């Protein structure tokens, strides 16, 4: 059994590689919900949707989010009616949000709604939200706060960031099954996701970080940073807002209390050698995921680090 902590587009690419190697029933994915967003009165869970869509084989490869081949007629009609259109929801994607909102209004939990939607889309892996309680990533800038989607999508992460907080985290609980998936798994993989706003909210849920410290499973992460820059998105500036260096040293520091191995880009291998004293092992490869073959290779590298005695996973070179 493999448990993955993930969020963002990098996380979806990583999970795409894993789903092509592992039997679906062996894969449990704990997903960031700090980005969850109310849009036109509907409950949108962007990271859960991306993971569900990639496992169902319908994620848009061009955008890295939403449904492949989707249309945007409703978005255009809402814009014509004077409603906001900065959050691009496709028509087929909209159906997911409608169903989720309906299920939640009937008293279902987010875990239950996620399971039902995944089943309807033919997903056989287990997809878990990090919590059934609302935890909202808030970006503090000099002039006030923004939700993550306002910061990332509406304002295209151009605002200076003073700090990041996870509203509601201290009152939240791990989703049913999440702690068990961490404690009883064979290995834990942390996707190359933003450590502050994709993995950070998961770790902020009480009990999850503690479970990662206690588990006997190996914990392997893939870096989302090469040199001093993020592979994509605002990870570097968000790390700086948390007083972390935008480097593999900052990634290792973020996870040092539970991490066994960090996979870094080949160009960071020399830097990794200088960090050996912090108690984290390092492995290196080309971590850029441009193609399906790249995703397979990186997923396999993570599995080999996590399960070094299991040659059966070594199916991609």
Protein backbone atom coordinates (compact mmCIF):
# COMPACT_ATOMS: atom_id res chain seq x y z
CA UNK A 1 0.00 0.00 0.00
CA UNK A 2 1.26 3.46 -0.94
CA UNK A 3 -0.01 6.70 0.62
CA UNK A 4 0.56 10.00 -1.17
CA UNK A 5 0.25 13.55 0.17
CA UNK A 6 -0.44 15.93 -2.69
CA UNK A 7 -1.83 19.16 -4.07
CA UNK A 8 -1.44 21.40 -7.11
CA UNK A 9 -0.58 20.61 -10.72
CA UNK A 10 2.80 19.07 -9.87
CA UNK A 11 1.05 16.69 -7.53
CA UNK A 12 -1.43 15.64 -10.22
CA UNK A 13 1.43 14.90 -12.64
CA UNK A 14 3.16 12.80 -10.01
CA UNK A 15 -0.01 10.83 -9.27
CA UNK A 16 -0.44 10.30 -13.01
CA UNK A 17 2.92 8.54 -13.02
CA UNK A 18 2.03 6.42 -10.00
CA UNK A 19 -1.33 5.31 -11.42
CA UNK A 20 0.46 3.93 -14.46
CA UNK A 21 2.69 1.73 -12.28
CA UNK A 22 0.63 0.67 -9.29
CA UNK A 23 -2.60 -1.33 -9.08
CA UNK A 24 -5.27 1.27 -8.23
CA UNK A 25 -6.39 -0.44 -5.04
CA UNK A 26 -2.86 -0.06 -3.61
CA UNK A 27 -2.95 3.74 -3.85
CA UNK A 28 -4.38 6.12 -1.23
CA UNK A 29 -4.09 9.85 -1.87
CA UNK A 30 -4.55 12.45 0.87
CA UNK A 31 -5.32 15.73 -0.84
CA UNK A 32 -4.96 19.38 0.15
CA UNK A 33 -8.29 21.18 0.62
CA UNK A 34 -6.90 24.55 1.72
CA UNK A 35 -7.64 25.82 -1.81
CA UNK A 36 -11.35 24.92 -1.59
CA UNK A 37 -13.43 27.78 -2.87
CA UNK A 38 -17.03 28.96 -3.03
CA UNK A 39 -17.86 29.88 -6.63
CA UNK A 40 -21.34 30.91 -7.84
CA UNK A 41 -22.71 29.36 -4.65
CA UNK A 42 -21.02 26.01 -5.34
CA UNK A 43 -18.35 24.20 -3.33
CA UNK A 44 -15.25 23.77 -5.50
CA UNK A 45 -12.35 21.57 -4.38
CA UNK A 46 -9.67 22.14 -7.04
CA UNK A 47 -6.99 19.74 -5.85
CA UNK A 48 -9.42 16.90 -5.12
CA UNK A 49 -10.91 17.38 -8.58
CA UNK A 50 -7.52 17.33 -10.31
CA UNK A 51 -6.53 14.11 -8.54
CA UNK A 52 -9.91 12.50 -9.23
CA UNK A 53 -9.79 13.52 -12.88
CA UNK A 54 -6.23 12.27 -13.40
CA UNK A 55 -7.09 8.92 -11.81
CA UNK A 56 -10.16 8.73 -14.07
CA UNK A 57 -8.01 9.54 -17.11
CA UNK A 58 -9.96 12.69 -17.97
CA UNK A 59 -7.72 15.51 -16.67
CA UNK A 60 -7.00 18.17 -19.30
CA UNK A 61 -3.35 17.70 -20.34
CA UNK A 62 -3.18 21.19 -21.84
CA UNK A 63 -4.33 23.05 -18.73
CA UNK A 64 -3.28 20.62 -16.00
CA UNK A 65 -6.68 21.16 -14.34
CA UNK A 66 -10.30 20.63 -15.32
CA UNK A 67 -11.72 18.08 -17.73
CA UNK A 68 -10.12 17.19 -21.05
CA UNK A 69 -11.99 18.68 -24.02
CA UNK A 70 -14.32 20.72 -21.82
CA UNK A 71 -16.39 23.65 -23.08
CA UNK A 72 -17.05 26.93 -21.26
CA UNK A 73 -20.55 27.96 -22.36
CA UNK A 74 -21.83 28.47 -18.80
CA UNK A 75 -18.82 30.63 -17.93
CA UNK A 76 -19.48 32.80 -20.99
CA UNK A 77 -23.18 33.06 -20.15
CA UNK A 78 -22.47 34.05 -16.55
CA UNK A 79 -20.05 36.71 -17.76
CA UNK A 80 -22.77 38.09 -20.07
CA UNK A 81 -25.05 38.28 -17.03
CA UNK A 82 -22.49 40.38 -15.19
CA UNK A 83 -21.21 37.64 -12.89
CA UNK A 84 -17.49 37.14 -12.12
CA UNK A 85 -15.60 34.93 -14.57
CA UNK A 86 -12.02 34.96 -13.28
CA UNK A 87 -12.26 31.37 -12.04
CA UNK A 88 -12.52 29.32 -15.23
CA UNK A 89 -14.95 26.49 -14.61
CA UNK A 90 -15.75 24.29 -17.60
CA UNK A 91 -19.19 22.83 -18.26
CA UNK A 92 -18.32 19.20 -17.43
CA UNK A 93 -16.24 20.37 -14.48
CA UNK A 94 -19.29 22.32 -13.30
CA UNK A 95 -21.27 19.09 -13.04
CA UNK A 96 -18.79 17.83 -10.43
CA UNK A 97 -19.23 20.98 -8.34
CA UNK A 98 -23.01 20.78 -8.63
CA UNK A 99 -23.05 17.18 -7.44
CA UNK A 100 -20.60 17.85 -4.59
CA UNK A 101 -22.62 20.85 -3.42
CA UNK A 102 -25.82 18.80 -3.55
CA UNK A 103 -24.27 15.99 -1.52
CA UNK A 104 -22.91 18.39 1.09
CA UNK A 105 -26.29 20.12 1.36
CA UNK A 106 -27.82 16.70 2.09
CA UNK A 107 -25.50 16.30 5.06
CA UNK A 108 -22.81 14.18 3.45
CA UNK A 109 -19.24 14.86 4.55
CA UNK A 110 -16.56 15.95 2.12
CA UNK A 111 -14.99 12.49 2.47
CA UNK A 112 -18.28 10.84 1.51
CA UNK A 113 -18.89 13.23 -1.37
CA UNK A 114 -15.36 12.67 -2.67
CA UNK A 115 -15.77 8.88 -2.53
CA UNK A 116 -19.13 8.96 -4.33
CA UNK A 117 -17.88 11.23 -7.12
CA UNK A 118 -14.73 9.13 -7.56
CA UNK A 119 -16.82 5.95 -7.79
CA UNK A 120 -19.10 7.51 -10.40
CA UNK A 121 -16.01 8.40 -12.47
CA UNK A 122 -14.65 4.85 -12.24
CA UNK A 123 -11.78 5.66 -9.86
CA UNK A 124 -10.67 2.62 -7.84
CA UNK A 125 -7.91 4.27 -5.79
CA UNK A 126 -8.87 5.88 -2.49
CA UNK A 127 -8.99 9.69 -2.57
CA UNK A 128 -9.26 11.39 0.82
CA UNK A 129 -9.58 15.08 1.65
CA UNK A 130 -7.15 16.07 4.40
CA UNK A 131 -10.14 16.98 6.61
CA UNK A 132 -13.92 17.15 6.54
CA UNK A 133 -13.76 20.51 8.31
CA UNK A 134 -13.10 23.66 6.33
CA UNK A 135 -9.48 24.80 6.43
CA UNK A 136 -8.76 27.85 4.30
CA UNK A 137 -5.35 28.96 3.13
CA UNK A 138 -5.13 32.71 3.60
CA UNK A 139 -2.42 34.84 1.98
CA UNK A 140 -1.52 37.96 3.94
CA UNK A 141 -0.25 40.84 1.84
CA UNK A 142 0.60 44.38 2.98
CA UNK A 143 -2.94 45.63 2.26
CA UNK A 144 -4.90 42.71 3.71
CA UNK A 145 -5.71 39.06 3.08
CA UNK A 146 -6.71 36.99 0.06
CA UNK A 147 -7.96 33.44 -0.30
CA UNK A 148 -5.49 31.23 -2.11
CA UNK A 149 -7.56 31.16 -5.31
CA UNK A 150 -7.86 34.96 -5.31
CA UNK A 151 -4.10 35.22 -4.89
CA UNK A 152 -3.18 32.46 -7.34
CA UNK A 153 -5.84 32.67 -10.07
CA UNK A 154 -7.47 36.09 -9.90
CA UNK A 155 -4.31 38.07 -9.18
CA UNK A 156 -1.88 35.58 -10.76
CA UNK A 157 0.30 35.50 -7.62
CA UNK A 158 1.75 38.95 -8.26
CA UNK A 159 1.10 40.38 -4.78
CA UNK A 160 3.92 40.57 -2.25
CA UNK A 161 3.33 38.03 0.51
CA UNK A 162 3.88 38.79 4.19
CA UNK A 163 2.73 35.45 5.57
CA UNK A 164 0.47 32.45 5.03
CA UNK A 165 -1.99 31.04 7.54
CA UNK A 166 -4.46 28.15 7.54
CA UNK A 167 -7.72 29.43 8.97
CA UNK A 168 -9.63 26.75 10.84
CA UNK A 169 -6.75 24.28 10.96
CA UNK A 170 -6.46 24.16 14.75
CA UNK A 171 -10.14 23.14 15.05
CA UNK A 172 -10.01 20.57 12.24
CA UNK A 173 -9.60 16.80 12.39
CA UNK A 174 -8.03 14.43 9.87
CA UNK A 175 -10.54 12.90 7.49
CA UNK A 176 -11.68 9.39 8.45
CA UNK A 177 -9.02 6.94 7.31
CA UNK A 178 -6.25 9.50 6.83
CA UNK A 179 -4.24 8.69 9.95
CA UNK A 180 -4.66 4.95 9.37
CA UNK A 181 -3.43 5.40 5.80
CA UNK A 182 -0.27 7.07 7.12
CA UNK A 183 0.40 4.70 10.01
CA UNK A 184 -0.39 1.38 8.29
CA UNK A 185 0.97 2.02 4.80
CA UNK A 186 4.07 0.44 3.27
CA UNK A 187 5.45 3.80 2.20
CA UNK A 188 4.55 7.47 2.06
CA UNK A 189 5.27 9.71 -0.91
CA UNK A 190 5.09 13.49 -0.81
CA UNK A 191 4.42 14.87 -4.27
CA UNK A 192 6.49 17.71 -5.78
CA UNK A 193 3.86 20.15 -4.56
CA UNK A 194 4.23 23.61 -3.07
CA UNK A 195 5.42 22.90 0.50
CA UNK A 196 3.64 25.97 1.90
CA UNK A 197 0.21 26.04 0.26
CA UNK A 198 -0.23 22.47 -1.05
CA UNK A 199 1.43 20.26 1.58
CA UNK A 200 1.45 22.86 4.37
CA UNK A 201 -2.34 22.78 4.92
CA UNK A 202 -2.29 18.98 5.20
CA UNK A 203 0.46 19.13 7.82
CA UNK A 204 -1.48 21.82 9.70
CA UNK A 205 -4.36 19.44 10.43
CA UNK A 206 -3.77 18.23 14.01
CA UNK A 207 -2.51 14.66 14.12
CA UNK A 208 -1.19 14.34 10.57
CA UNK A 209 2.35 15.57 11.18
CA UNK A 210 2.51 13.49 14.35
CA UNK A 211 1.43 10.39 12.41
CA UNK A 212 4.16 11.02 9.85
CA UNK A 213 6.70 11.11 12.67
CA UNK A 214 5.38 7.90 14.20
CA UNK A 215 4.85 5.72 11.12
CA UNK A 216 7.29 2.90 10.46
CA UNK A 217 6.92 3.48 6.71
CA UNK A 218 9.63 5.29 4.80
CA UNK A 219 8.71 8.84 3.81
CA UNK A 220 10.02 10.06 0.45
CA UNK A 221 9.45 13.51 -1.06
CA UNK A 222 10.14 14.88 -4.51
CA UNK A 223 11.44 18.45 -4.54
CA UNK A 224 9.40 21.13 -6.34
CA UNK A 225 12.48 23.37 -6.34
CA UNK A 226 15.50 23.35 -8.66
CA UNK A 227 18.35 25.60 -7.59
CA UNK A 228 16.67 28.67 -6.17
CA UNK A 229 13.53 28.58 -8.28
CA UNK A 230 10.25 26.70 -8.24
CA UNK A 231 9.58 24.28 -11.08
CA UNK A 232 6.31 26.19 -11.47
CA UNK A 233 4.16 28.62 -9.53
CA UNK A 234 4.93 30.80 -6.50
CA UNK A 235 6.56 28.23 -4.19
CA UNK A 236 9.82 30.17 -3.95
CA UNK A 237 8.28 33.46 -2.80
CA UNK A 238 5.86 31.67 -0.47
CA UNK A 239 8.78 29.82 1.14
CA UNK A 240 10.55 33.15 1.60
CA UNK A 241 7.45 34.49 3.40
CA UNK A 242 7.86 31.64 5.91
CA UNK A 243 11.57 32.42 6.37
CA UNK A 244 12.61 29.31 4.47
CA UNK A 245 15.29 29.39 1.76
CA UNK A 246 13.90 28.75 -1.71
CA UNK A 247 16.10 25.73 -2.25
CA UNK A 248 16.28 22.04 -1.47
CA UNK A 249 17.53 23.09 1.97
CA UNK A 250 14.18 24.82 2.56
CA UNK A 251 12.27 21.74 1.39
CA UNK A 252 14.31 19.46 3.62
CA UNK A 253 13.80 21.82 6.56
CA UNK A 254 10.03 21.86 6.00
CA UNK A 255 9.83 18.08 6.29
CA UNK A 256 12.93 17.26 8.37
CA UNK A 257 11.07 15.89 11.41
CA UNK A 258 9.58 13.00 9.41
CA UNK A 259 11.35 12.79 6.04
CA UNK A 260 13.66 9.89 5.13
CA UNK A 261 14.62 10.76 1.53
CA UNK A 262 14.34 13.85 -0.67
CA UNK A 263 14.62 13.38 -4.42
CA UNK A 264 16.25 16.41 -6.01
CA UNK A 265 17.21 17.49 -9.50
CA UNK A 266 20.56 16.28 -10.81
CA UNK A 267 21.84 19.87 -10.78
CA UNK A 268 21.24 20.00 -7.00
CA UNK A 269 23.13 16.78 -6.23
CA UNK A 270 26.27 18.61 -5.08
CA UNK A 271 24.23 20.90 -2.83
CA UNK A 272 22.52 17.84 -1.38
CA UNK A 273 25.87 16.35 -0.38
CA UNK A 274 26.58 19.44 1.71
CA UNK A 275 23.25 18.95 3.54
CA UNK A 276 23.91 15.37 4.63
CA UNK A 277 24.32 16.43 8.26
CA UNK A 278 20.61 17.30 8.65
CA UNK A 279 19.62 13.64 8.80
CA UNK A 280 17.78 13.40 5.45
CA UNK A 281 18.96 11.13 2.65
CA UNK A 282 19.07 12.49 -0.90
CA UNK A 283 18.65 10.94 -4.31
CA UNK A 284 18.87 12.77 -7.62
CA UNK A 285 17.33 12.52 -11.07
CA UNK A 286 15.80 14.84 -13.66
CA UNK A 287 12.65 15.86 -11.75
CA UNK A 288 11.04 17.87 -14.57
CA UNK A 289 7.80 16.24 -15.73
CA UNK A 290 7.41 17.28 -19.34
CA UNK A 291 6.15 13.97 -20.73
CA UNK A 292 4.33 10.83 -19.62
CA UNK A 293 7.68 9.03 -19.67
CA UNK A 294 9.08 11.64 -17.25
CA UNK A 295 6.15 11.08 -14.89
CA UNK A 296 6.69 7.33 -14.98
CA UNK A 297 10.41 7.68 -14.32
CA UNK A 298 9.99 10.04 -11.38
CA UNK A 299 7.19 7.98 -9.86
CA UNK A 300 9.35 4.89 -10.17
CA UNK A 301 12.34 6.68 -8.62
CA UNK A 302 10.19 7.62 -5.63
CA UNK A 303 8.92 4.05 -5.25
CA UNK A 304 12.42 2.60 -5.44
CA UNK A 305 13.56 4.99 -2.68
CA UNK A 306 10.48 4.19 -0.59
CA UNK A 307 10.56 0.41 -1.17
CA UNK A 308 14.24 -0.35 -1.87
CA UNK A 309 13.81 -4.12 -1.41
CA UNK A 310 10.82 -4.42 -3.75
CA UNK A 311 12.21 -4.91 -7.25
CA UNK A 312 8.68 -5.34 -8.61
CA UNK A 313 8.15 -1.61 -8.75
CA UNK A 314 11.19 -1.05 -10.96
CA UNK A 315 9.19 -1.07 -14.16
CA UNK A 316 10.25 2.28 -15.64
CA UNK A 317 13.76 3.45 -16.30
